[in-house]
Protein backbone atom coordinates (compact mmCIF):
# COMPACT_ATOMS: atom_id res chain seq x y z
CA MET A 1 -14.91 9.62 12.49
CA SER A 2 -11.21 10.11 12.01
CA ASN A 3 -8.72 9.09 9.39
CA ILE A 4 -5.00 8.42 9.42
CA PHE A 5 -3.39 8.52 5.99
CA LEU A 6 -0.08 7.21 4.88
CA SER A 7 2.23 10.12 4.16
CA SER A 8 4.75 8.64 1.81
CA PRO A 9 6.20 9.04 -1.70
CA VAL A 10 4.36 5.85 -2.73
CA THR A 11 1.23 7.93 -3.21
CA LEU A 12 2.10 8.74 -6.77
CA GLY A 13 -0.03 11.62 -7.86
CA LEU A 14 -3.44 13.11 -8.46
CA ARG A 15 -3.92 11.86 -11.99
CA ASN A 16 -3.78 8.18 -11.07
CA GLY A 17 -5.87 8.78 -7.95
CA LEU A 18 -8.60 10.45 -10.00
CA PHE A 19 -8.56 7.58 -12.47
CA LEU A 20 -8.91 5.03 -9.70
CA GLY A 21 -11.83 6.86 -8.12
CA VAL A 22 -13.69 7.33 -11.38
CA PHE A 23 -12.97 3.78 -12.51
CA PHE A 24 -14.19 2.22 -9.29
CA ASN A 25 -17.29 4.40 -9.20
CA ALA A 26 -18.10 3.16 -12.68
CA VAL A 27 -17.63 -0.51 -11.94
CA VAL A 28 -19.40 -0.31 -8.60
CA SER A 29 -22.49 1.26 -10.15
CA SER A 30 -22.54 -1.30 -12.96
CA SER A 31 -22.30 -4.49 -10.92
CA ALA A 32 -24.48 -5.94 -8.17
CA ALA A 33 -21.38 -7.61 -6.83
CA PHE A 34 -20.27 -4.23 -5.47
CA ALA A 35 -23.67 -3.18 -4.09
CA GLU A 36 -22.83 -2.40 -0.45
CA GLU A 37 -21.41 1.10 -0.95
CA THR A 38 -22.89 2.48 2.29
CA ARG A 39 -21.55 -0.31 4.51
CA GLN A 40 -20.86 0.83 8.08
CA LEU A 41 -17.59 -0.02 9.77
CA ASP A 42 -19.38 -1.81 12.61
CA SER A 43 -20.74 -4.38 10.14
CA HIS A 44 -17.36 -5.91 9.39
CA GLU A 45 -16.36 -9.35 10.60
CA HIS A 46 -13.02 -9.73 12.31
CA GLY A 47 -10.72 -11.99 10.35
CA VAL A 48 -12.51 -11.26 7.08
CA GLY A 49 -11.53 -8.50 4.66
CA GLU A 50 -12.68 -7.49 1.20
CA LEU A 51 -10.62 -7.16 -1.97
CA ASN A 52 -12.20 -5.64 -5.08
CA ILE A 53 -10.33 -6.02 -8.36
CA ALA A 54 -11.39 -4.35 -11.62
CA VAL A 55 -9.56 -4.87 -14.90
CA ASP A 56 -9.77 -2.51 -17.88
CA GLY A 57 -7.34 -3.26 -20.68
CA SER A 58 -3.87 -3.38 -19.14
CA THR A 59 -4.97 -1.46 -16.05
CA VAL A 60 -5.79 -3.31 -12.83
CA ALA A 61 -7.50 -1.31 -10.07
CA ILE A 62 -7.57 -2.86 -6.60
CA GLU A 63 -9.37 -1.81 -3.44
CA LEU A 64 -8.80 -3.43 -0.03
CA HIS A 65 -10.95 -3.11 3.09
CA ALA A 66 -9.76 -4.88 6.25
CA PRO A 67 -10.80 -4.61 9.91
CA GLY A 68 -8.26 -2.94 12.13
CA ALA A 69 -8.09 -6.08 14.26
CA ASP A 70 -6.93 -8.08 11.23
CA ILE A 71 -4.09 -5.72 10.41
CA VAL A 72 -2.78 -4.45 13.76
CA GLY A 73 -4.61 -6.62 16.31
CA PHE A 74 -6.79 -3.86 17.77
CA GLU A 75 -9.52 -1.41 16.81
CA TYR A 76 -9.22 1.24 19.51
CA VAL A 77 -7.60 4.57 18.72
CA ALA A 78 -3.83 4.23 18.75
CA LYS A 79 -2.49 6.62 21.39
CA SER A 80 0.59 4.99 22.85
CA PHE A 81 3.89 5.19 21.03
CA ASP A 82 3.93 1.44 20.39
CA ASP A 83 0.40 1.38 18.99
CA ARG A 84 1.01 4.37 16.75
CA LEU A 85 4.21 2.75 15.49
CA THR A 86 2.27 -0.45 14.77
CA VAL A 87 -0.25 1.50 12.70
CA LYS A 88 2.51 3.34 10.86
CA LYS A 89 4.25 0.06 9.98
CA ALA A 90 0.96 -1.45 8.82
CA LEU A 91 0.25 1.50 6.52
CA LYS A 92 3.73 1.22 5.09
CA SER A 93 3.23 -2.49 4.45
CA LEU A 94 -0.18 -1.87 2.85
CA SER A 95 1.41 0.66 0.50
CA HIS A 96 3.39 -2.10 -1.25
CA PRO A 97 0.72 -4.22 -2.97
CA LEU A 98 3.11 -6.42 -4.96
CA GLU A 99 4.61 -7.63 -1.69
CA LEU A 100 1.15 -8.60 -0.38
CA PHE A 101 -0.45 -9.90 -3.57
CA LEU A 102 2.14 -11.81 -5.56
CA LEU A 103 1.63 -11.84 -9.32
CA PRO A 104 3.44 -13.96 -11.92
CA ASP A 105 6.57 -12.25 -13.25
CA PRO A 106 5.57 -12.83 -16.92
CA ALA A 107 2.52 -10.58 -16.39
CA GLU A 108 4.95 -7.65 -16.08
CA CYS A 109 2.83 -5.72 -13.57
CA ARG A 110 3.99 -2.50 -11.98
CA VAL A 111 2.40 -0.18 -9.44
CA THR A 112 1.49 3.32 -10.61
CA GLU A 113 -0.61 4.31 -7.60
CA ALA A 114 -0.75 3.12 -3.99
CA GLU A 115 -2.51 4.72 -1.04
CA ALA A 116 -3.45 3.35 2.37
CA HIS A 117 -5.29 4.88 5.29
CA LEU A 118 -6.98 3.96 8.56
CA GLU A 119 -10.55 5.03 9.17
CA THR A 120 -11.96 5.03 12.70
CA GLU A 121 -15.64 5.29 13.62
CA GLY A 122 -17.10 5.96 17.05
CA VAL A 123 -14.48 8.50 18.13
CA HIS A 124 -15.84 11.71 19.66
CA ASP A 125 -14.12 15.07 19.56
CA ASP A 126 -13.66 16.84 22.87
CA HIS A 127 -16.60 19.18 23.43
CA ALA A 128 -17.91 20.93 26.50
CA ASP A 129 -21.02 18.78 26.38
CA HIS A 130 -19.05 15.57 25.85
CA ASP A 131 -20.56 14.00 28.97
CA ASP A 132 -24.00 14.29 27.39
CA HIS A 133 -23.06 11.79 24.68
CA ALA A 134 -23.00 8.07 25.30
CA GLU A 135 -19.74 6.42 24.40
CA GLY A 136 -20.19 3.84 21.66
CA PRO A 137 -17.85 1.11 20.49
CA VAL A 138 -14.89 2.12 18.36
CA HIS A 139 -14.45 0.38 15.01
CA SER A 140 -11.51 0.86 12.69
CA GLU A 141 -10.83 -0.31 9.18
CA PHE A 142 -7.83 -0.09 6.91
CA HIS A 143 -8.51 0.97 3.34
CA ALA A 144 -6.03 0.74 0.49
CA THR A 145 -6.33 1.51 -3.20
CA TYR A 146 -3.90 0.54 -5.92
CA THR A 147 -3.52 1.02 -9.64
CA LEU A 148 -1.35 -1.43 -11.55
CA VAL A 149 -0.39 -1.67 -15.19
CA CYS A 150 0.27 -5.18 -16.52
CA ASN A 151 1.97 -5.37 -19.91
CA ASN A 152 1.03 -9.02 -20.41
CA LEU A 153 -2.36 -9.50 -18.76
CA SER A 154 -2.84 -12.97 -20.26
CA ALA A 155 0.03 -14.15 -18.04
CA LEU A 156 -1.84 -13.03 -14.91
CA THR A 157 -2.91 -16.58 -14.12
CA GLU A 158 -2.97 -16.44 -10.33
CA ILE A 159 -2.56 -14.29 -7.24
CA THR A 160 -0.69 -15.62 -4.22
CA PHE A 161 -1.76 -13.90 -1.02
CA ALA A 162 1.35 -13.12 1.02
CA TYR A 163 -1.09 -10.77 2.74
CA PHE A 164 -1.85 -13.58 5.20
CA ASP A 165 1.82 -13.90 6.09
CA ALA A 166 2.08 -10.16 6.70
CA PHE A 167 -1.03 -9.97 8.90
CA GLU A 168 -1.38 -12.94 11.24
CA ASN A 169 -4.92 -12.09 12.37
CA ALA A 170 -6.31 -12.08 8.81
CA LEU A 171 -8.15 -15.30 8.02
CA GLU A 172 -10.02 -14.66 4.78
CA LEU A 173 -10.48 -12.20 1.95
CA GLU A 174 -13.74 -11.98 0.04
CA VAL A 175 -12.64 -11.17 -3.49
CA GLN A 176 -14.80 -9.53 -6.14
CA LEU A 177 -13.31 -9.58 -9.64
CA LEU A 178 -14.72 -7.46 -12.44
CA THR A 179 -13.46 -7.99 -16.00
CA ALA A 180 -14.82 -7.42 -19.48
CA SER A 181 -16.61 -10.77 -19.20
CA GLY A 182 -18.46 -9.82 -16.01
CA ALA A 183 -18.20 -10.03 -12.22
CA GLN A 184 -17.16 -13.06 -10.18
CA ALA A 185 -16.82 -13.65 -6.45
CA PHE A 186 -14.27 -15.78 -4.59
CA GLU A 187 -13.25 -16.55 -1.02
CA VAL A 188 -9.53 -16.78 -0.42
CA LYS A 189 -8.54 -18.28 2.92
CA ARG A 190 -5.32 -18.35 4.90
CA THR A 191 -5.31 -22.15 4.54
CA ASN A 192 -5.33 -21.91 0.71
CA PRO A 193 -3.87 -18.50 -0.17
CA THR A 194 -3.88 -18.73 -3.96
CA LEU A 195 -6.52 -17.46 -6.39
CA ASP A 196 -6.59 -19.22 -9.77
CA LEU A 197 -7.19 -16.68 -12.56
CA ARG A 198 -6.58 -18.92 -15.56
CA GLY A 199 -8.95 -18.09 -18.37
CA MET A 200 -10.17 -14.89 -16.74
CA PHE A 201 -8.49 -12.50 -19.18
């Protein structure tokens, strides 16, 4: 398995990253809605990604999982210049959550942490005994984590998914939302790219 991480100033520091990891571990362990922690990359469905959102006070933690085919149109290891450039552009785009997930201006949300990386499974290192190993299919998945602070959470009444405009192969996001009132699940499709959050906070 190999990983390609975004190397960019938008990754804003260890403190926020630690908070996001601890916060998501807590909400995942407390809700059946987030039960598939050991999901393998080869179980994903092309066209369908996952978006987990957890809200604690004014802090909104977001985690995105999307098949490589949805984001860049392929899942093989990027080796050519053009493919590597496509991956680099995708990671840059994924590092700007408020351009992908549009929030109402009155909510006054700002990004304090953003990180995106590409994880690839089924890639073998070069070993002397490489011929002894059967080649399996390669699966890749983009992961992104974000931390936002919203000064007026009650004004967070909807999310518009410009994500579908940015990534033409993405068809649907399965959204899990965890708030103080509990966990809820939604399906947001390209054909209706708005999630109504009225009364959630």
